[in-house]
Structures are given as structure tokens and as C-alpha cells.
Amino acid sequence: MKRLAIIGASGHGKVVAELAELCGFKVVFYDDAYPHKKNIEHWLVVGKFACLLTANDKDQDAIVAIGDNKIRLNLSEQLMASGFRLPVLIHPCAVISKYATVDSGTVVFANAVINAFSQVGKSCIINTAAVVEHDCKLGDAVHLSPNVALAGGTRINRLSWLGIGSVTKQLIEVGSNVSIGANSTVIKNIPDNVTAFGSPAEVINNKHSK
């Protein structure tokens, strides 16, 4: 059984660990709260992130289970630069088109759907029952919360997060580093570095204005 190092012993880490076990991995955690935190439920926390990076044995798989998009991508890039393999974890109950592509370090949870000719970038989270329709394109470190639905041809740029139950109209583009509030309906393009919310979704905060 292959060993998988999971970075981030949190609630999201728990569901990633269970998913990893379904995919045939034996799980150990690394978290910067070590040694104060030595376990998460029944799984062991065996060291800090820096300990993993400096380990002699780089011939193993690792994945970052941290919800913050920027942190997840940064740590994932450090792992890849250090020679670790970042697998794609796909729940057995997810539906992935043979014509879709899903890049390294991405996790796809139960009942999610990724349809034909969609592209999902590195270190993304496609959460429970999220739907990515045909010809969508998701950049690196995008997070789709449970029950998000992207209509065909939607583009979500890197580091953006869509809250639970939010939906997009077809051919919409959401910029980079965007937060879309829960249950929002996105019917027009959203620029970079903003928070948007509502039905229809409107920009309520510019992240660079502070």
C-alpha cells in the first residue's frame, strides 16, 4: 500500500484522508502544530511541513489539504519543486468524463461531476456534488464548494473560490483571486481580486482597496 503524506491536519484534512484511503493509500499527516498535535482522529501527525521537505526519501506521494487557496498552491509548488508526486484523488462515486483533464494535487469528492472537455488545474478542490459542465476551464487552486454548478463553458481563474450552492450562467468568466458568496448566481463576468455575492451576483468588496 502506498503512503500518502497529507499536509494540514484539519477538518478538510479528515475528508481528504478518507478519500485517500478509498484510493488505496496509507495516510500520515504533517502539520505545523506538531508536536502539540500528534494525531487527528485515528491518524498520526508525524512532523511539520519543513520536516517533510527535508526528508531523505522524496520518492513518495504528498497532497496539501488546506482550504486557503494561496497557501495550498504555495505548499504544493514547494512539494513539486522538491520532487514529490502529487496524485489526483477522485472519489469512486464521482463522475469524470474520459474527455476531461484533471491536474496534479486536485481532489474530487463524492457525487461530483466533471463533464466532457473540461479542464481542471493543479491543487483544486472539487467538493461534494459540485458540477463542472462541458468545456469549463478551472485554473490552479480553484475551490468549488459543495453543490456548486458551473454551466457549460464557464472559466474560473486561479485562486478563486465559489461558496456552497453558487451557480454560473454558461460562458461566464470569473477572474483570479475571487470569492463568490454562498448561493450566488453569477450571470456576468467577475473581475480579478473581488468578492461578489447575491442573485444576481454583484461585487461587494475589492480585495485591493484596503
N, C-alpha and C. Protein backbone atom coordinates (compact mmCIF):
# COMPACT_ATOMS: atom_id res chain seq x y z
N MET A 1 0.84 -1.20 0.00
CA MET A 1 0.00 0.00 0.00
C MET A 1 0.89 1.25 0.00
N LYS A 2 0.63 2.17 -0.92
CA LYS A 2 1.40 3.40 -0.99
C LYS A 2 1.08 4.31 0.19
N ARG A 3 2.11 5.04 0.63
CA ARG A 3 1.93 6.01 1.70
C ARG A 3 1.68 7.37 1.09
N LEU A 4 0.74 8.11 1.68
CA LEU A 4 0.44 9.47 1.24
C LEU A 4 0.65 10.41 2.42
N ALA A 5 1.51 11.39 2.24
CA ALA A 5 1.70 12.45 3.23
C ALA A 5 0.67 13.54 2.96
N ILE A 6 -0.16 13.82 3.95
CA ILE A 6 -1.17 14.87 3.84
C ILE A 6 -0.73 16.05 4.69
N ILE A 7 -0.67 17.22 4.08
CA ILE A 7 -0.26 18.42 4.79
C ILE A 7 -1.51 19.18 5.20
N GLY A 8 -1.69 19.34 6.52
CA GLY A 8 -2.85 20.05 7.04
C GLY A 8 -3.78 19.13 7.80
N ALA A 9 -3.61 19.07 9.12
CA ALA A 9 -4.44 18.19 9.97
C ALA A 9 -5.63 18.98 10.49
N SER A 10 -6.62 19.16 9.61
CA SER A 10 -7.81 19.97 9.92
C SER A 10 -9.05 19.21 9.47
N GLY A 11 -10.20 19.89 9.52
CA GLY A 11 -11.43 19.26 9.05
C GLY A 11 -11.35 18.83 7.60
N HIS A 12 -10.80 19.71 6.75
CA HIS A 12 -10.64 19.34 5.35
C HIS A 12 -9.66 18.18 5.21
N GLY A 13 -8.63 18.18 6.06
CA GLY A 13 -7.68 17.07 6.05
C GLY A 13 -8.33 15.73 6.31
N LYS A 14 -9.33 15.72 7.19
CA LYS A 14 -10.02 14.47 7.51
C LYS A 14 -10.71 13.89 6.27
N VAL A 15 -11.41 14.74 5.52
CA VAL A 15 -12.13 14.20 4.36
C VAL A 15 -11.16 13.82 3.24
N VAL A 16 -10.03 14.54 3.14
CA VAL A 16 -9.02 14.14 2.18
C VAL A 16 -8.41 12.80 2.58
N ALA A 17 -8.18 12.60 3.88
CA ALA A 17 -7.62 11.33 4.35
C ALA A 17 -8.54 10.17 4.03
N GLU A 18 -9.84 10.34 4.29
CA GLU A 18 -10.78 9.26 3.97
C GLU A 18 -10.80 8.98 2.47
N LEU A 19 -10.78 10.05 1.67
CA LEU A 19 -10.75 9.89 0.22
C LEU A 19 -9.48 9.16 -0.21
N ALA A 20 -8.34 9.53 0.40
CA ALA A 20 -7.07 8.88 0.06
C ALA A 20 -7.13 7.38 0.36
N GLU A 21 -7.73 7.02 1.48
CA GLU A 21 -7.85 5.60 1.82
C GLU A 21 -8.71 4.87 0.79
N LEU A 22 -9.78 5.52 0.33
CA LEU A 22 -10.61 4.91 -0.72
C LEU A 22 -9.82 4.72 -2.01
N CYS A 23 -8.81 5.56 -2.21
CA CYS A 23 -7.97 5.47 -3.40
C CYS A 23 -6.77 4.53 -3.20
N GLY A 24 -6.71 3.87 -2.04
CA GLY A 24 -5.69 2.86 -1.82
C GLY A 24 -4.43 3.32 -1.13
N PHE A 25 -4.44 4.49 -0.49
CA PHE A 25 -3.26 5.00 0.19
C PHE A 25 -3.32 4.74 1.70
N LYS A 26 -2.14 4.60 2.30
CA LYS A 26 -1.99 4.66 3.75
C LYS A 26 -1.60 6.09 4.11
N VAL A 27 -2.30 6.68 5.07
CA VAL A 27 -2.23 8.12 5.32
C VAL A 27 -1.38 8.43 6.54
N VAL A 28 -0.51 9.45 6.42
CA VAL A 28 0.12 10.10 7.56
C VAL A 28 0.01 11.61 7.36
N PHE A 29 -0.05 12.34 8.46
CA PHE A 29 -0.23 13.79 8.39
C PHE A 29 1.04 14.53 8.77
N TYR A 30 1.21 15.70 8.14
CA TYR A 30 2.21 16.68 8.55
C TYR A 30 1.48 17.99 8.82
N ASP A 31 1.80 18.60 9.94
CA ASP A 31 1.11 19.84 10.31
C ASP A 31 2.05 20.66 11.20
N ASP A 32 2.06 21.97 11.02
CA ASP A 32 2.97 22.81 11.78
C ASP A 32 2.58 22.93 13.25
N ALA A 33 1.44 22.36 13.65
CA ALA A 33 1.09 22.30 15.07
C ALA A 33 1.80 21.16 15.80
N TYR A 34 2.48 20.29 15.05
CA TYR A 34 3.27 19.22 15.67
C TYR A 34 4.44 19.85 16.44
N PRO A 35 4.83 19.38 17.65
CA PRO A 35 4.39 18.14 18.33
C PRO A 35 3.20 18.31 19.26
N HIS A 36 2.64 19.53 19.33
CA HIS A 36 1.47 19.71 20.20
C HIS A 36 0.28 18.89 19.68
N LYS A 37 0.20 18.77 18.37
CA LYS A 37 -0.82 17.92 17.76
C LYS A 37 -0.13 16.69 17.19
N LYS A 38 -0.43 15.53 17.76
CA LYS A 38 0.21 14.28 17.32
C LYS A 38 -0.77 13.32 16.67
N ASN A 39 -2.02 13.69 16.65
CA ASN A 39 -2.98 12.85 15.93
C ASN A 39 -4.19 13.71 15.54
N ILE A 40 -4.87 13.26 14.52
CA ILE A 40 -6.16 13.82 14.12
C ILE A 40 -7.08 12.63 13.94
N GLU A 41 -8.06 12.53 14.83
CA GLU A 41 -8.85 11.31 14.95
C GLU A 41 -7.88 10.13 15.14
N HIS A 42 -7.97 9.09 14.30
CA HIS A 42 -7.09 7.93 14.48
C HIS A 42 -5.82 8.01 13.64
N TRP A 43 -5.65 9.08 12.85
CA TRP A 43 -4.46 9.21 12.01
C TRP A 43 -3.33 9.90 12.78
N LEU A 44 -2.12 9.53 12.47
CA LEU A 44 -0.95 10.10 13.14
C LEU A 44 -0.49 11.37 12.44
N VAL A 45 -0.11 12.37 13.24
CA VAL A 45 0.62 13.54 12.76
C VAL A 45 2.08 13.30 13.12
N VAL A 46 2.96 13.22 12.11
CA VAL A 46 4.32 12.74 12.36
C VAL A 46 5.38 13.83 12.26
N GLY A 47 5.01 15.05 11.89
CA GLY A 47 6.01 16.10 11.81
C GLY A 47 5.45 17.37 11.20
N LYS A 48 6.31 18.38 11.12
CA LYS A 48 5.95 19.65 10.48
C LYS A 48 6.24 19.58 8.98
N PHE A 49 5.68 20.55 8.26
CA PHE A 49 5.86 20.58 6.82
C PHE A 49 7.34 20.62 6.44
N ALA A 50 8.12 21.42 7.16
CA ALA A 50 9.55 21.53 6.85
C ALA A 50 10.26 20.19 7.01
N CYS A 51 9.80 19.37 7.95
CA CYS A 51 10.40 18.05 8.13
C CYS A 51 10.18 17.18 6.90
N LEU A 52 9.01 17.30 6.30
CA LEU A 52 8.73 16.52 5.09
C LEU A 52 9.62 16.99 3.94
N LEU A 53 9.76 18.30 3.79
CA LEU A 53 10.58 18.83 2.69
C LEU A 53 12.03 18.41 2.81
N THR A 54 12.52 18.26 4.03
CA THR A 54 13.93 17.91 4.22
C THR A 54 14.16 16.42 4.38
N ALA A 55 13.12 15.61 4.23
CA ALA A 55 13.26 14.16 4.38
C ALA A 55 14.16 13.61 3.28
N ASN A 56 14.90 12.57 3.62
CA ASN A 56 15.79 11.95 2.64
C ASN A 56 15.02 11.23 1.54
N ASP A 57 13.86 10.67 1.91
CA ASP A 57 13.06 9.89 0.95
C ASP A 57 12.02 10.78 0.29
N LYS A 58 12.31 11.25 -0.91
CA LYS A 58 11.35 12.07 -1.66
C LYS A 58 10.53 11.23 -2.63
N ASP A 59 10.79 9.92 -2.65
CA ASP A 59 10.07 9.04 -3.58
C ASP A 59 8.75 8.61 -2.95
N GLN A 60 7.86 9.58 -2.74
CA GLN A 60 6.57 9.28 -2.15
C GLN A 60 5.55 10.31 -2.64
N ASP A 61 4.31 10.04 -2.32
CA ASP A 61 3.22 10.92 -2.74
C ASP A 61 2.85 11.86 -1.60
N ALA A 62 2.44 13.05 -1.94
CA ALA A 62 2.01 14.03 -0.94
C ALA A 62 0.91 14.89 -1.54
N ILE A 63 0.07 15.43 -0.66
CA ILE A 63 -1.01 16.31 -1.11
C ILE A 63 -1.30 17.33 -0.01
N VAL A 64 -1.66 18.53 -0.40
CA VAL A 64 -1.94 19.59 0.57
C VAL A 64 -3.45 19.68 0.78
N ALA A 65 -3.86 19.50 2.05
CA ALA A 65 -5.29 19.52 2.41
C ALA A 65 -5.58 20.76 3.25
N ILE A 66 -5.36 21.92 2.65
CA ILE A 66 -5.59 23.20 3.32
C ILE A 66 -6.56 24.00 2.46
N GLY A 67 -7.61 24.54 3.10
CA GLY A 67 -8.66 25.21 2.34
C GLY A 67 -8.24 26.52 1.70
N ASP A 68 -7.34 27.25 2.33
CA ASP A 68 -6.89 28.54 1.79
C ASP A 68 -6.17 28.29 0.45
N ASN A 69 -6.70 28.88 -0.61
CA ASN A 69 -6.19 28.60 -1.96
C ASN A 69 -4.73 28.98 -2.13
N LYS A 70 -4.35 30.16 -1.65
CA LYS A 70 -2.97 30.63 -1.83
C LYS A 70 -1.99 29.75 -1.08
N ILE A 71 -2.32 29.41 0.16
CA ILE A 71 -1.43 28.55 0.95
C ILE A 71 -1.32 27.18 0.30
N ARG A 72 -2.46 26.63 -0.12
CA ARG A 72 -2.46 25.29 -0.74
C ARG A 72 -1.58 25.26 -1.99
N LEU A 73 -1.70 26.28 -2.82
CA LEU A 73 -0.90 26.29 -4.04
C LEU A 73 0.58 26.49 -3.73
N ASN A 74 0.88 27.39 -2.79
CA ASN A 74 2.27 27.63 -2.44
C ASN A 74 2.95 26.37 -1.91
N LEU A 75 2.30 25.67 -0.99
CA LEU A 75 2.90 24.46 -0.43
C LEU A 75 2.97 23.35 -1.48
N SER A 76 1.99 23.28 -2.34
CA SER A 76 2.01 22.28 -3.42
C SER A 76 3.18 22.52 -4.36
N GLU A 77 3.43 23.77 -4.68
CA GLU A 77 4.55 24.10 -5.57
C GLU A 77 5.89 23.76 -4.90
N GLN A 78 5.98 23.98 -3.58
CA GLN A 78 7.21 23.60 -2.86
C GLN A 78 7.41 22.08 -2.91
N LEU A 79 6.33 21.33 -2.73
CA LEU A 79 6.43 19.87 -2.79
C LEU A 79 6.90 19.41 -4.17
N MET A 80 6.30 19.95 -5.22
CA MET A 80 6.68 19.55 -6.57
C MET A 80 8.13 19.91 -6.88
N ALA A 81 8.56 21.10 -6.42
CA ALA A 81 9.94 21.51 -6.64
C ALA A 81 10.92 20.61 -5.91
N SER A 82 10.46 19.99 -4.81
CA SER A 82 11.31 19.09 -4.03
C SER A 82 11.26 17.65 -4.50
N GLY A 83 10.47 17.39 -5.54
CA GLY A 83 10.47 16.07 -6.14
C GLY A 83 9.35 15.14 -5.70
N PHE A 84 8.41 15.64 -4.91
CA PHE A 84 7.29 14.80 -4.50
C PHE A 84 6.28 14.66 -5.64
N ARG A 85 5.58 13.54 -5.66
CA ARG A 85 4.47 13.33 -6.58
C ARG A 85 3.18 13.78 -5.91
N LEU A 86 2.37 14.56 -6.62
CA LEU A 86 1.07 14.99 -6.12
C LEU A 86 -0.01 14.27 -6.93
N PRO A 87 -0.64 13.26 -6.33
CA PRO A 87 -1.64 12.50 -7.09
C PRO A 87 -2.94 13.29 -7.24
N VAL A 88 -3.78 12.82 -8.13
CA VAL A 88 -5.18 13.26 -8.21
C VAL A 88 -6.01 12.24 -7.43
N LEU A 89 -6.80 12.72 -6.48
CA LEU A 89 -7.66 11.84 -5.70
C LEU A 89 -9.10 12.02 -6.16
N ILE A 90 -9.71 10.95 -6.64
CA ILE A 90 -11.08 11.00 -7.18
C ILE A 90 -11.94 9.99 -6.46
N HIS A 91 -13.01 10.45 -5.85
CA HIS A 91 -13.91 9.55 -5.13
C HIS A 91 -14.55 8.56 -6.10
N PRO A 92 -14.74 7.31 -5.66
CA PRO A 92 -15.36 6.31 -6.55
C PRO A 92 -16.75 6.70 -7.03
N CYS A 93 -17.44 7.56 -6.29
CA CYS A 93 -18.79 7.98 -6.69
C CYS A 93 -18.80 9.26 -7.52
N ALA A 94 -17.63 9.80 -7.82
CA ALA A 94 -17.57 10.95 -8.73
C ALA A 94 -17.66 10.46 -10.18
N VAL A 95 -18.09 11.35 -11.07
CA VAL A 95 -18.21 11.02 -12.49
C VAL A 95 -17.30 11.97 -13.27
N ILE A 96 -16.27 11.41 -13.89
CA ILE A 96 -15.31 12.22 -14.64
C ILE A 96 -15.33 11.74 -16.09
N SER A 97 -15.63 12.64 -17.00
CA SER A 97 -15.61 12.28 -18.42
C SER A 97 -14.22 11.83 -18.85
N LYS A 98 -14.18 10.86 -19.73
CA LYS A 98 -12.88 10.43 -20.28
C LYS A 98 -12.24 11.52 -21.13
N TYR A 99 -13.02 12.53 -21.49
CA TYR A 99 -12.50 13.63 -22.28
C TYR A 99 -12.15 14.86 -21.44
N ALA A 100 -12.32 14.76 -20.12
CA ALA A 100 -11.93 15.83 -19.21
C ALA A 100 -10.50 15.61 -18.74
N THR A 101 -9.84 16.67 -18.28
CA THR A 101 -8.50 16.55 -17.72
C THR A 101 -8.50 17.16 -16.31
N VAL A 102 -7.82 16.47 -15.39
CA VAL A 102 -7.71 16.92 -14.00
C VAL A 102 -6.23 16.86 -13.63
N ASP A 103 -5.66 17.98 -13.20
CA ASP A 103 -4.22 18.06 -12.98
C ASP A 103 -3.83 17.67 -11.54
N SER A 104 -2.54 17.59 -11.30
CA SER A 104 -1.98 17.03 -10.07
C SER A 104 -2.39 17.79 -8.82
N GLY A 105 -2.53 17.05 -7.73
CA GLY A 105 -2.84 17.63 -6.43
C GLY A 105 -4.29 18.02 -6.23
N THR A 106 -5.14 17.71 -7.20
CA THR A 106 -6.56 18.05 -7.12
C THR A 106 -7.33 16.91 -6.45
N VAL A 107 -8.34 17.28 -5.66
CA VAL A 107 -9.21 16.30 -5.02
C VAL A 107 -10.64 16.49 -5.53
N VAL A 108 -11.29 15.37 -5.84
CA VAL A 108 -12.66 15.38 -6.37
C VAL A 108 -13.50 14.48 -5.47
N PHE A 109 -14.49 15.06 -4.81
CA PHE A 109 -15.24 14.34 -3.78
C PHE A 109 -16.51 13.67 -4.33
N ALA A 110 -17.21 12.98 -3.44
CA ALA A 110 -18.34 12.13 -3.82
C ALA A 110 -19.41 12.91 -4.58
N ASN A 111 -19.92 12.27 -5.63
CA ASN A 111 -21.05 12.76 -6.44
C ASN A 111 -20.72 14.02 -7.24
N ALA A 112 -19.46 14.41 -7.27
CA ALA A 112 -19.07 15.49 -8.17
C ALA A 112 -19.09 14.99 -9.61
N VAL A 113 -19.31 15.91 -10.55
CA VAL A 113 -19.34 15.58 -11.97
C VAL A 113 -18.44 16.56 -12.72
N ILE A 114 -17.56 16.03 -13.55
CA ILE A 114 -16.75 16.86 -14.44
C ILE A 114 -16.99 16.34 -15.85
N ASN A 115 -17.63 17.14 -16.67
CA ASN A 115 -18.09 16.66 -17.96
C ASN A 115 -17.09 16.93 -19.09
N ALA A 116 -17.48 16.50 -20.27
CA ALA A 116 -16.57 16.38 -21.41
C ALA A 116 -15.84 17.67 -21.74
N PHE A 117 -14.53 17.53 -21.97
CA PHE A 117 -13.64 18.58 -22.44
C PHE A 117 -13.46 19.72 -21.45
N SER A 118 -13.82 19.49 -20.20
CA SER A 118 -13.47 20.45 -19.16
C SER A 118 -12.04 20.21 -18.71
N GLN A 119 -11.41 21.27 -18.23
CA GLN A 119 -10.03 21.21 -17.75
C GLN A 119 -9.97 21.76 -16.32
N VAL A 120 -9.41 20.96 -15.43
CA VAL A 120 -9.27 21.37 -14.03
C VAL A 120 -7.79 21.44 -13.70
N GLY A 121 -7.34 22.56 -13.14
CA GLY A 121 -5.93 22.80 -12.91
C GLY A 121 -5.37 22.07 -11.70
N LYS A 122 -4.18 22.46 -11.29
CA LYS A 122 -3.47 21.84 -10.17
C LYS A 122 -4.07 22.28 -8.84
N SER A 123 -4.05 21.36 -7.87
CA SER A 123 -4.36 21.66 -6.46
C SER A 123 -5.74 22.30 -6.29
N CYS A 124 -6.69 21.85 -7.07
CA CYS A 124 -8.07 22.32 -6.92
C CYS A 124 -8.84 21.44 -5.93
N ILE A 125 -9.93 21.98 -5.42
CA ILE A 125 -10.88 21.23 -4.60
C ILE A 125 -12.22 21.25 -5.33
N ILE A 126 -12.68 20.07 -5.74
CA ILE A 126 -14.00 19.93 -6.36
C ILE A 126 -14.83 19.18 -5.32
N ASN A 127 -15.61 19.93 -4.57
CA ASN A 127 -16.23 19.37 -3.38
C ASN A 127 -17.51 18.59 -3.69
N THR A 128 -18.11 18.06 -2.63
CA THR A 128 -19.23 17.12 -2.74
C THR A 128 -20.33 17.65 -3.66
N ALA A 129 -20.69 16.85 -4.66
CA ALA A 129 -21.82 17.12 -5.56
C ALA A 129 -21.66 18.39 -6.39
N ALA A 130 -20.43 18.90 -6.52
CA ALA A 130 -20.21 20.02 -7.44
C ALA A 130 -20.30 19.51 -8.88
N VAL A 131 -20.80 20.37 -9.77
CA VAL A 131 -20.96 20.01 -11.18
C VAL A 131 -20.16 20.97 -12.05
N VAL A 132 -19.26 20.40 -12.84
CA VAL A 132 -18.49 21.17 -13.81
C VAL A 132 -18.94 20.69 -15.18
N GLU A 133 -19.73 21.49 -15.85
CA GLU A 133 -20.29 21.06 -17.12
C GLU A 133 -19.24 21.12 -18.24
N HIS A 134 -19.66 20.77 -19.44
CA HIS A 134 -18.76 20.63 -20.59
C HIS A 134 -18.00 21.92 -20.87
N ASP A 135 -16.75 21.76 -21.30
CA ASP A 135 -15.92 22.86 -21.81
C ASP A 135 -15.61 23.94 -20.78
N CYS A 136 -15.71 23.63 -19.50
CA CYS A 136 -15.29 24.58 -18.47
C CYS A 136 -13.78 24.54 -18.33
N LYS A 137 -13.21 25.61 -17.80
CA LYS A 137 -11.78 25.66 -17.55
C LYS A 137 -11.53 26.27 -16.17
N LEU A 138 -10.89 25.50 -15.30
CA LEU A 138 -10.58 25.94 -13.95
C LEU A 138 -9.08 26.08 -13.81
N GLY A 139 -8.61 27.23 -13.35
CA GLY A 139 -7.19 27.45 -13.13
C GLY A 139 -6.70 26.73 -11.88
N ASP A 140 -5.43 26.91 -11.57
CA ASP A 140 -4.83 26.26 -10.41
C ASP A 140 -5.43 26.78 -9.11
N ALA A 141 -5.57 25.86 -8.15
CA ALA A 141 -6.01 26.19 -6.79
C ALA A 141 -7.38 26.86 -6.74
N VAL A 142 -8.28 26.44 -7.61
CA VAL A 142 -9.69 26.84 -7.52
C VAL A 142 -10.39 25.93 -6.53
N HIS A 143 -11.32 26.48 -5.79
CA HIS A 143 -12.11 25.70 -4.81
C HIS A 143 -13.59 25.86 -5.14
N LEU A 144 -14.23 24.75 -5.53
CA LEU A 144 -15.68 24.71 -5.70
C LEU A 144 -16.28 24.04 -4.48
N SER A 145 -17.09 24.76 -3.74
CA SER A 145 -17.73 24.21 -2.54
C SER A 145 -18.83 23.23 -2.92
N PRO A 146 -19.39 22.51 -1.92
CA PRO A 146 -20.47 21.56 -2.23
C PRO A 146 -21.63 22.21 -2.99
N ASN A 147 -22.14 21.45 -3.96
CA ASN A 147 -23.33 21.83 -4.74
C ASN A 147 -23.15 23.05 -5.63
N VAL A 148 -21.92 23.44 -5.89
CA VAL A 148 -21.68 24.46 -6.91
C VAL A 148 -22.00 23.86 -8.27
N ALA A 149 -22.57 24.66 -9.17
CA ALA A 149 -22.88 24.19 -10.53
C ALA A 149 -22.36 25.21 -11.54
N LEU A 150 -21.42 24.76 -12.37
CA LEU A 150 -20.87 25.60 -13.43
C LEU A 150 -21.49 25.19 -14.75
N ALA A 151 -22.18 26.12 -15.40
CA ALA A 151 -22.76 25.83 -16.71
C ALA A 151 -21.65 25.74 -17.76
N GLY A 152 -22.00 25.18 -18.90
CA GLY A 152 -21.02 24.90 -19.95
C GLY A 152 -20.21 26.12 -20.34
N GLY A 153 -18.90 25.91 -20.52
CA GLY A 153 -18.03 26.97 -20.99
C GLY A 153 -17.62 27.98 -19.94
N THR A 154 -17.95 27.75 -18.69
CA THR A 154 -17.54 28.67 -17.63
C THR A 154 -16.03 28.61 -17.44
N ARG A 155 -15.42 29.76 -17.18
CA ARG A 155 -14.00 29.82 -16.87
C ARG A 155 -13.83 30.41 -15.47
N ILE A 156 -13.13 29.67 -14.60
CA ILE A 156 -12.82 30.15 -13.25
C ILE A 156 -11.31 30.25 -13.16
N ASN A 157 -10.79 31.45 -12.98
CA ASN A 157 -9.34 31.64 -12.98
C ASN A 157 -8.72 31.30 -11.62
N ARG A 158 -7.41 31.21 -11.59
CA ARG A 158 -6.65 30.66 -10.46
C ARG A 158 -6.98 31.35 -9.14
N LEU A 159 -6.95 30.56 -8.09
CA LEU A 159 -7.08 31.02 -6.71
C LEU A 159 -8.48 31.50 -6.34
N SER A 160 -9.47 31.22 -7.17
CA SER A 160 -10.82 31.68 -6.86
C SER A 160 -11.63 30.61 -6.13
N TRP A 161 -12.58 31.08 -5.36
CA TRP A 161 -13.40 30.22 -4.51
C TRP A 161 -14.87 30.53 -4.74
N LEU A 162 -15.67 29.49 -4.96
CA LEU A 162 -17.11 29.64 -5.11
C LEU A 162 -17.80 28.98 -3.93
N GLY A 163 -18.61 29.76 -3.20
CA GLY A 163 -19.26 29.28 -1.99
C GLY A 163 -20.35 28.27 -2.28
N ILE A 164 -20.77 27.59 -1.23
CA ILE A 164 -21.72 26.48 -1.33
C ILE A 164 -23.00 26.89 -2.06
N GLY A 165 -23.37 26.07 -3.02
CA GLY A 165 -24.62 26.28 -3.74
C GLY A 165 -24.61 27.36 -4.79
N SER A 166 -23.47 27.98 -5.07
CA SER A 166 -23.44 29.04 -6.08
C SER A 166 -23.45 28.42 -7.49
N VAL A 167 -23.96 29.20 -8.45
CA VAL A 167 -24.11 28.70 -9.82
C VAL A 167 -23.65 29.77 -10.81
N THR A 168 -23.27 29.33 -12.01
CA THR A 168 -22.91 30.27 -13.06
C THR A 168 -23.77 30.03 -14.30
N LYS A 169 -23.99 31.11 -15.02
CA LYS A 169 -24.56 31.04 -16.37
C LYS A 169 -23.48 30.55 -17.32
N GLN A 170 -23.88 29.99 -18.46
CA GLN A 170 -22.92 29.48 -19.43
C GLN A 170 -22.02 30.61 -19.94
N LEU A 171 -20.76 30.25 -20.21
CA LEU A 171 -19.75 31.11 -20.83
C LEU A 171 -19.32 32.29 -19.96
N ILE A 172 -19.60 32.24 -18.67
CA ILE A 172 -19.18 33.29 -17.74
C ILE A 172 -17.70 33.11 -17.41
N GLU A 173 -17.00 34.22 -17.16
CA GLU A 173 -15.62 34.16 -16.67
C GLU A 173 -15.52 34.83 -15.32
N VAL A 174 -14.98 34.10 -14.36
CA VAL A 174 -14.70 34.62 -13.02
C VAL A 174 -13.19 34.82 -12.94
N GLY A 175 -12.77 36.01 -12.52
CA GLY A 175 -11.36 36.35 -12.52
C GLY A 175 -10.53 35.59 -11.50
N SER A 176 -9.28 35.97 -11.33
CA SER A 176 -8.37 35.35 -10.37
C SER A 176 -8.59 35.93 -8.98
N ASN A 177 -8.36 35.09 -7.95
CA ASN A 177 -8.43 35.53 -6.56
C ASN A 177 -9.78 36.16 -6.24
N VAL A 178 -10.84 35.52 -6.67
CA VAL A 178 -12.21 35.99 -6.45
C VAL A 178 -12.89 35.10 -5.42
N SER A 179 -13.73 35.69 -4.58
CA SER A 179 -14.59 34.94 -3.68
C SER A 179 -16.04 35.18 -4.07
N ILE A 180 -16.77 34.09 -4.33
CA ILE A 180 -18.21 34.17 -4.66
C ILE A 180 -18.98 33.64 -3.45
N GLY A 181 -19.89 34.43 -2.91
CA GLY A 181 -20.62 34.05 -1.72
C GLY A 181 -21.58 32.90 -1.95
N ALA A 182 -21.97 32.25 -0.86
CA ALA A 182 -22.87 31.10 -0.92
C ALA A 182 -24.18 31.44 -1.61
N ASN A 183 -24.68 30.48 -2.41
CA ASN A 183 -25.98 30.58 -3.10
C ASN A 183 -26.07 31.77 -4.06
N SER A 184 -24.93 32.22 -4.55
CA SER A 184 -24.94 33.32 -5.52
C SER A 184 -25.21 32.78 -6.93
N THR A 185 -25.74 33.66 -7.78
CA THR A 185 -25.99 33.33 -9.18
C THR A 185 -25.16 34.27 -10.04
N VAL A 186 -24.18 33.73 -10.70
CA VAL A 186 -23.25 34.55 -11.48
C VAL A 186 -23.71 34.57 -12.93
N ILE A 187 -24.20 35.73 -13.38
CA ILE A 187 -24.74 35.84 -14.74
C ILE A 187 -23.95 36.81 -15.61
N LYS A 188 -22.88 37.40 -15.03
CA LYS A 188 -22.00 38.26 -15.83
C LYS A 188 -20.57 38.05 -15.34
N ASN A 189 -19.60 38.43 -16.16
CA ASN A 189 -18.20 38.24 -15.81
C ASN A 189 -17.85 38.99 -14.52
N ILE A 190 -16.95 38.39 -13.75
CA ILE A 190 -16.50 38.97 -12.49
C ILE A 190 -15.00 39.27 -12.62
N PRO A 191 -14.55 40.50 -12.29
CA PRO A 191 -13.13 40.85 -12.45
C PRO A 191 -12.25 40.20 -11.38
N ASP A 192 -10.95 40.36 -11.52
CA ASP A 192 -9.99 39.82 -10.56
C ASP A 192 -10.12 40.50 -9.19
N ASN A 193 -9.72 39.78 -8.14
CA ASN A 193 -9.45 40.34 -6.81
C ASN A 193 -10.65 41.01 -6.17
N VAL A 194 -11.83 40.39 -6.30
CA VAL A 194 -13.02 40.95 -5.68
C VAL A 194 -13.79 39.86 -4.95
N THR A 195 -14.71 40.30 -4.10
CA THR A 195 -15.73 39.43 -3.52
C THR A 195 -17.06 39.81 -4.15
N ALA A 196 -17.83 38.81 -4.57
CA ALA A 196 -19.13 39.05 -5.17
C ALA A 196 -20.17 38.17 -4.50
N PHE A 197 -21.39 38.67 -4.41
CA PHE A 197 -22.43 37.93 -3.70
C PHE A 197 -23.79 38.35 -4.24
N GLY A 198 -24.74 37.41 -4.19
CA GLY A 198 -26.13 37.73 -4.48
C GLY A 198 -26.65 37.00 -5.70
N SER A 199 -27.93 37.25 -6.00
CA SER A 199 -28.59 36.64 -7.14
C SER A 199 -29.40 37.73 -7.86
N PRO A 200 -28.83 38.36 -8.88
CA PRO A 200 -27.52 38.06 -9.49
C PRO A 200 -26.35 38.57 -8.64
N ALA A 201 -25.20 37.93 -8.81
CA ALA A 201 -24.01 38.29 -8.03
C ALA A 201 -23.50 39.67 -8.44
N GLU A 202 -23.21 40.49 -7.43
CA GLU A 202 -22.63 41.82 -7.62
C GLU A 202 -21.38 41.95 -6.76
N VAL A 203 -20.42 42.73 -7.25
CA VAL A 203 -19.19 42.96 -6.49
C VAL A 203 -19.52 43.75 -5.23
N ILE A 204 -19.10 43.25 -4.08
CA ILE A 204 -19.36 43.95 -2.81
C ILE A 204 -18.08 44.39 -2.12
N ASN A 205 -16.92 43.96 -2.63
CA ASN A 205 -15.66 44.32 -2.00
C ASN A 205 -14.52 44.11 -2.98
N ASN A 206 -13.66 45.12 -3.10
CA ASN A 206 -12.44 45.00 -3.89
C ASN A 206 -11.32 44.63 -2.94
N LYS A 207 -10.72 43.46 -3.13
CA LYS A 207 -9.70 42.99 -2.19
C LYS A 207 -8.45 43.84 -2.19
N HIS A 208 -8.24 44.66 -3.22
CA HIS A 208 -7.05 45.51 -3.28
C HIS A 208 -7.34 46.94 -2.81
N SER A 209 -8.56 47.20 -2.36
CA SER A 209 -8.92 48.56 -1.98
C SER A 209 -8.53 48.90 -0.55
N LYS A 210 -8.17 47.85 0.24
CA LYS A 210 -7.86 48.07 1.66
C LYS A 210 -6.38 48.39 1.84
